[in-house]
Amino acid sequence: MAHKFTQRLTESGLSITEWKPVTGALPPMTQEDWELEFAKYKESPEFKQLNSHINLDEFKFIYSMEWSHRLLGRVIGLVFVLPSLYFIARKKVSKKVAFKLLGVCALIGFQGFLGWWMVYSGLDEKLLEERRSKPTVSQYRLTAHLGAAFLVYCAMISTGMSILRDHNIMKNPELYSKIFKQINSPNLKLFRRSCTGLLGLVFLTAMSGGLVAGLDAGLIYNTFPHMGDDWVPNKNELLDPLFARKDDKSDLFWRNCLENPTTVQLNHRILATTSFFLIFAAHMYSHRIKTLIPKQAYRSLNTVVGLVSIQVTLGICTLLWLVPTDLAAAHQGGALALLTGVLILVQNLKKPTRTNLILLKQFLSKVNPDAAKKIMLK
């Protein structure tokens, strides 16, 4: 995931002009192969309009960045898909887990397709003309590719945590009997739902960051908390008529929100600031109901507060220092770390499934039969 960010920041994503899922796993092996790939790149809009000055050695660098990114994608796919199919075929996992694993495998394949679909938007001259854009990938497709990668990652984490929960229930059923009683408490309902909402907000903020990256919106208004001389730019700049494509300007608002670099940066600032203060508010509220919250969930929330503080600091520094690659990569990686922290928090507050309760009742009956009888299966 972090390599994806670096590859985007180094502008190397359009250096490979073909999609070869199998044969593309091998890089150019000879000087002749390199010259052939360079010749293909010379036909691309990016070379003609932006990079006509680069030589073969410079091309090798950006090609290697893109090739290594694609190779990592292939490796991740194989490392996950092959063992998953093996465990499913040998019936080593339950049907529910098997369907989850197959879903993640499908998402990984779809993610590979989205990657090429994204790259193609920066190679096709007609698409670039329609977008009125320089040779770069569509911010919509970039965000879709990023979003799919995050979804794959979150699905892996949640599936793994659900399996670990079943394992931990068998190890310590009495502990989980108390944890599930806490989670099911009506007094924890608001807090649990709020944390789920925070997960959605953090994900949305990360996707707005994808739009910022796709439009290079971080290269303007490099001040904080002001944007230029004011808190926010003026209305004419935020809702610039030049971004509307319909004669009646009916698409003025949404196109500026998604295509105007100034508005996109402002939206990202608003979402990021809102995420920070809502997480901080949840942390403050948690002190009032600390006895109701499972210890693992409470520790997860403390970690999330630390992560969001670091992430906001990285975001501000990235902006003030005009988006240096190392800081920008750290900030984008921080988005994934923060999303992971909130996801783990939500998982630790997740209500027990029927499978959890069956396991709990089965193993609790061995150590505390009276408590086992009180467990009601859904």
Foldseek 3Di string as FASTA:
>chain_A
DLLVLLLLVVVLLQLQPDDDLPVLLDQDDDPVSLVVSVVVSCPFLCCVPPNVPDDSVVSVVSPVSNSVVSNVLVVVLCVLVVVLVVCVVVVVDDPVLNVLSVVLNVLSVVLSVLSVVQNVCLGDPVSCVVQVHRRAGDLVSQLVSVLSVLVSVLSVVLSVVVVVLLVVCLVPLVVVLVLLVLLPDPVCVVLLVLLVVLLVLLSVLLSLVSLCSRQVLLQAQLDPPCRPPHNADDPCLLQPLVQQDDPVSPCSNVSSCRPRSRNSVVVSVVSLVVSLVSLVVSLVVCVVVVVSHPPQLNVLSVVLNVLSVVLVVLVSVCSNVSNDSVSSSVNSVSSSVNSVSSSSSSSSSDNDALSSLVSSLVSVCVVPVVSSVPRDGD
